[in-house]
Amino acid sequence: MRFECRDLTFTYPEADNPVLENLTFSMAAPGFNAVFGPSGVGKTSFARILAGGNSGPGGNALIYEGIATILYSYNQERLPGWANTGRHLEKVCPQKNSDLKKELVKIFKVEAFLGSRFSQLSMGQQNRMNLIRYLIQDFDLLILDESLANVDEALRETIILAIKEIFPAKLFLYISHNLMEVARFCKDILVLSRPGKNKGAVVVPGQNYETGYTADPQAIDRSMLEIMNAV
């Protein structure tokens, strides 16, 4: 399982400058990886190109091996406001994943509002519910674009560690502005800098902590410094 970008350039229609320019890198094997960079460097644009939502370039700019299904989850994605969240999950959940759905509902701590309408939930509750909706589908690569925004730090950690434990054969791309979180829990971090900085795309190894980890503050600091030096 791997995907590769070769000189990927993307410019929005009617824009003068590309948001992504000559992006070249590869990521191999399953794992919980990240895309990191300051606002405006094209993280979401890149994610949408991978997921097919932006019209990317033709040719061999994107190469996939062992990746057939790509899903894209993002912050503040909406279900119909009238939807009963519990019934919605039942409706979209494949029969074979019903036990997985029950497990995720407990881990994500959403049992208490399965009977609520989506519009009645807080933003953090909505994001948790929406992420479950994607995790119970069949996928090879799942992109999480700020999908855990507005979720408290302790619960975010619980969710990330659970995802890594439950889905060891899947590939994830986690887009977040939380530098420490990315450094602690991600395997490989694709760091994007603004076009024209001549840094291109740099892949930095993270600490890749899993359930039961013992934190090494110095190692985390080194990873954070390496990420920031690549921006």
Protein backbone atom coordinates (compact mmCIF):
# COMPACT_ATOMS: atom_id res chain seq x y z
CA MET A 1 0.00 0.00 0.00
CA ARG A 2 1.46 3.33 -1.05
CA PHE A 3 0.73 6.56 -2.85
CA GLU A 4 3.05 8.94 -4.59
CA CYS A 5 2.91 12.49 -5.90
CA ARG A 6 5.14 13.51 -8.78
CA ASP A 7 5.44 17.23 -9.49
CA LEU A 8 1.83 17.88 -8.47
CA THR A 9 0.81 21.47 -9.20
CA PHE A 10 -2.65 22.88 -8.60
CA THR A 11 -4.05 26.35 -9.28
CA TYR A 12 -7.63 27.38 -8.63
CA PRO A 13 -9.54 28.70 -11.65
CA GLU A 14 -8.92 32.43 -12.17
CA ALA A 15 -6.11 32.44 -9.57
CA ASP A 16 -2.75 33.88 -10.56
CA ASN A 17 -0.54 31.65 -8.43
CA PRO A 18 -0.62 27.92 -7.66
CA VAL A 19 -1.59 26.80 -4.18
CA LEU A 20 0.47 23.63 -4.70
CA GLU A 21 3.60 23.66 -6.83
CA ASN A 22 5.75 20.70 -7.91
CA LEU A 23 4.69 18.63 -4.90
CA THR A 24 6.71 15.40 -4.90
CA PHE A 25 6.77 12.76 -2.15
CA SER A 26 5.63 9.23 -1.35
CA MET A 27 4.08 7.44 1.62
CA ALA A 28 4.18 3.68 1.94
CA ALA A 29 2.50 1.08 4.15
CA PRO A 30 -0.53 1.50 6.40
CA GLY A 31 -0.36 3.94 9.28
CA PHE A 32 -1.66 7.11 10.89
CA ASN A 33 0.10 9.89 8.98
CA ALA A 34 -0.38 13.65 8.84
CA VAL A 35 -0.33 16.70 6.61
CA PHE A 36 0.92 19.79 8.44
CA GLY A 37 1.62 23.40 7.53
CA PRO A 38 0.46 26.98 8.12
CA SER A 39 -2.89 28.20 6.85
CA GLY A 40 -3.01 28.80 3.13
CA VAL A 41 -0.35 26.29 2.02
CA GLY A 42 -2.88 23.99 0.35
CA LYS A 43 -3.52 21.22 2.89
CA THR A 44 -7.24 21.04 2.19
CA SER A 45 -6.72 21.53 -1.55
CA PHE A 46 -4.30 18.61 -1.54
CA ALA A 47 -6.72 16.46 0.46
CA ARG A 48 -9.53 17.18 -1.97
CA ILE A 49 -7.33 16.33 -4.94
CA LEU A 50 -6.53 12.97 -3.34
CA ALA A 51 -10.22 12.37 -2.68
CA GLY A 52 -11.23 13.48 -6.18
CA GLY A 53 -13.03 16.64 -5.10
CA ASN A 54 -10.68 19.06 -6.84
CA SER A 55 -9.87 18.63 -10.49
CA GLY A 56 -6.26 17.60 -10.26
CA PRO A 57 -3.75 17.16 -13.04
CA GLY A 58 -3.79 14.28 -15.44
CA GLY A 59 -0.95 11.95 -16.30
CA ASN A 60 1.09 10.31 -13.57
CA ALA A 61 1.08 13.10 -10.96
CA LEU A 62 -0.77 10.80 -8.52
CA ILE A 63 0.10 7.12 -8.26
CA TYR A 64 -1.76 4.66 -6.01
CA GLU A 65 -0.80 1.09 -5.18
CA GLY A 66 -3.15 -1.03 -3.08
CA ILE A 67 -5.49 1.93 -2.53
CA ALA A 68 -8.88 1.52 -4.20
CA THR A 69 -11.23 3.50 -1.95
CA ILE A 70 -10.43 6.97 -0.57
CA LEU A 71 -12.79 8.76 1.81
CA TYR A 72 -12.59 12.39 2.93
CA SER A 73 -13.93 13.58 6.29
CA TYR A 74 -13.78 17.24 7.24
CA ASN A 75 -14.55 19.65 10.07
CA GLN A 76 -18.14 20.91 10.31
CA GLU A 77 -19.43 18.52 7.67
CA ARG A 78 -23.18 18.42 8.01
CA LEU A 79 -25.85 15.77 8.10
CA PRO A 80 -29.43 16.88 7.42
CA GLY A 81 -30.56 18.83 10.49
CA TRP A 82 -33.59 16.64 10.90
CA ALA A 83 -31.61 13.38 10.97
CA ASN A 84 -31.78 11.29 14.12
CA THR A 85 -28.10 10.51 14.55
CA GLY A 86 -28.51 6.96 15.80
CA ARG A 87 -30.87 5.98 12.99
CA HIS A 88 -28.59 7.64 10.47
CA LEU A 89 -25.63 5.53 11.61
CA GLU A 90 -27.76 2.40 11.38
CA LYS A 91 -28.82 3.36 7.86
CA VAL A 92 -25.32 3.95 6.50
CA CYS A 93 -23.57 1.13 8.38
CA PRO A 94 -22.89 -2.07 6.42
CA GLN A 95 -24.32 -5.10 8.20
CA LYS A 96 -20.87 -6.63 8.67
CA ASN A 97 -19.69 -3.52 10.56
CA SER A 98 -22.51 -3.31 13.10
CA ASP A 99 -20.26 -4.48 15.96
CA LEU A 100 -17.62 -1.97 14.90
CA LYS A 101 -20.24 0.78 14.99
CA LYS A 102 -21.20 -0.13 18.56
CA GLU A 103 -17.55 -0.14 19.61
CA LEU A 104 -16.86 3.27 18.06
CA VAL A 105 -19.99 4.78 19.59
CA LYS A 106 -18.63 3.87 23.05
CA ILE A 107 -15.07 5.01 22.36
CA PHE A 108 -16.22 8.32 20.88
CA LYS A 109 -18.62 8.84 23.82
CA VAL A 110 -21.69 9.58 21.72
CA GLU A 111 -24.17 7.12 23.30
CA ALA A 112 -26.01 9.88 25.14
CA PHE A 113 -27.12 11.69 22.00
CA LEU A 114 -27.89 8.88 19.55
CA GLY A 115 -31.52 9.95 19.82
CA SER A 116 -30.78 13.61 19.06
CA ARG A 117 -30.98 15.48 15.80
CA PHE A 118 -27.63 16.34 14.29
CA SER A 119 -28.44 20.07 14.47
CA GLN A 120 -28.90 19.81 18.25
CA LEU A 121 -25.31 18.65 18.84
CA SER A 122 -22.30 20.80 19.63
CA MET A 123 -19.63 21.16 16.94
CA GLY A 124 -17.37 18.66 18.70
CA GLN A 125 -20.22 16.15 19.02
CA GLN A 126 -21.09 16.63 15.35
CA ASN A 127 -17.50 16.00 14.30
CA ARG A 128 -17.30 12.83 16.38
CA MET A 129 -20.55 11.52 14.98
CA ASN A 130 -19.51 12.33 11.44
CA LEU A 131 -16.14 10.60 11.81
CA ILE A 132 -17.86 7.41 12.99
CA ARG A 133 -19.96 7.59 9.83
CA TYR A 134 -16.78 7.29 7.75
CA LEU A 135 -14.95 4.75 9.90
CA ILE A 136 -17.77 2.21 9.53
CA GLN A 137 -17.43 2.26 5.73
CA ASP A 138 -15.01 0.21 3.66
CA PHE A 139 -11.93 2.26 2.75
CA ASP A 140 -8.21 2.00 2.14
CA LEU A 141 -7.30 5.65 2.78
CA LEU A 142 -9.27 7.98 5.05
CA ILE A 143 -8.43 11.68 5.12
CA LEU A 144 -9.31 13.47 8.37
CA ASP A 145 -9.33 17.20 7.61
CA GLU A 146 -9.62 18.81 11.07
CA SER A 147 -12.16 16.05 11.76
CA LEU A 148 -11.57 16.19 15.52
CA ALA A 149 -11.75 19.98 15.86
CA ASN A 150 -13.69 21.17 18.92
CA VAL A 151 -13.12 17.83 20.67
CA ASP A 152 -11.30 18.11 24.00
CA GLU A 153 -7.66 17.04 24.06
CA ALA A 154 -8.04 13.96 26.26
CA LEU A 155 -10.86 12.52 24.16
CA ARG A 156 -8.99 13.31 20.93
CA GLU A 157 -6.06 11.27 22.20
CA THR A 158 -8.36 8.38 23.12
CA ILE A 159 -9.95 8.45 19.67
CA ILE A 160 -6.65 8.64 17.77
CA LEU A 161 -5.13 5.77 19.73
CA ALA A 162 -8.27 3.68 19.22
CA ILE A 163 -8.26 4.33 15.47
CA LYS A 164 -4.64 3.20 15.26
CA GLU A 165 -5.41 0.03 17.23
CA ILE A 166 -8.64 -0.91 15.43
CA PHE A 167 -7.47 -0.13 11.87
CA PRO A 168 -3.81 -1.23 11.64
CA ALA A 169 -4.15 -2.18 7.96
CA LYS A 170 -5.60 1.18 6.85
CA LEU A 171 -3.89 4.37 5.75
CA PHE A 172 -4.88 7.68 7.36
CA LEU A 173 -3.96 11.28 6.59
CA TYR A 174 -4.66 13.54 9.56
CA ILE A 175 -4.77 17.28 8.89
CA SER A 176 -4.40 19.29 12.08
CA HIS A 177 -2.89 22.55 13.34
CA ASN A 178 -1.92 20.86 16.63
CA LEU A 179 1.85 20.50 16.30
CA MET A 180 2.39 18.45 19.46
CA GLU A 181 -0.46 16.07 18.64
CA VAL A 182 0.88 15.44 15.14
CA ALA A 183 4.42 14.89 16.46
CA ARG A 184 3.25 12.45 19.13
CA PHE A 185 0.80 10.23 17.30
CA CYS A 186 1.63 10.28 13.59
CA LYS A 187 4.03 7.97 11.78
CA ASP A 188 4.99 10.21 8.87
CA ILE A 189 4.19 13.92 8.61
CA LEU A 190 4.03 15.60 5.21
CA VAL A 191 5.05 19.21 5.88
CA LEU A 192 3.91 21.75 3.30
CA SER A 193 5.50 25.17 2.90
CA ARG A 194 4.27 28.06 0.80
CA PRO A 195 5.09 27.96 -2.94
CA GLY A 196 8.26 29.87 -3.66
CA LYS A 197 10.05 28.90 -0.44
CA ASN A 198 11.95 26.19 -2.33
CA LYS A 199 11.45 23.68 0.45
CA GLY A 200 8.91 21.62 -1.45
CA ALA A 201 7.34 18.76 0.46
CA VAL A 202 9.28 17.30 3.36
CA VAL A 203 8.25 14.08 5.09
CA VAL A 204 9.24 14.10 8.76
CA PRO A 205 8.98 11.00 10.99
CA GLY A 206 6.76 11.38 14.05
CA GLN A 207 6.85 9.50 17.34
CA ASN A 208 3.92 7.28 16.29
CA TYR A 209 2.77 6.62 19.86
CA GLU A 210 0.29 3.80 20.38
CA THR A 211 -1.90 2.64 23.26
CA GLY A 212 0.12 2.25 26.46
CA TYR A 213 2.90 4.57 25.32
CA THR A 214 5.40 6.23 27.63
CA ALA A 215 6.02 9.79 26.50
CA ASP A 216 9.56 10.94 25.79
CA PRO A 217 9.40 14.75 26.02
CA GLN A 218 12.83 15.23 24.45
CA ALA A 219 11.93 13.04 21.47
CA ILE A 220 8.67 14.93 21.02
CA ASP A 221 10.54 18.24 21.12
CA ARG A 222 12.96 16.99 18.46
CA SER A 223 10.09 15.95 16.20
CA MET A 224 8.33 19.28 16.70
CA LEU A 225 11.51 21.21 15.90
CA GLU A 226 12.11 19.16 12.76
CA ILE A 227 8.54 19.80 11.61
CA MET A 228 8.80 23.55 12.22
CA ASN A 229 12.17 23.72 10.43
CA ALA A 230 10.51 22.15 7.39
CA VAL A 231 7.67 24.68 7.19
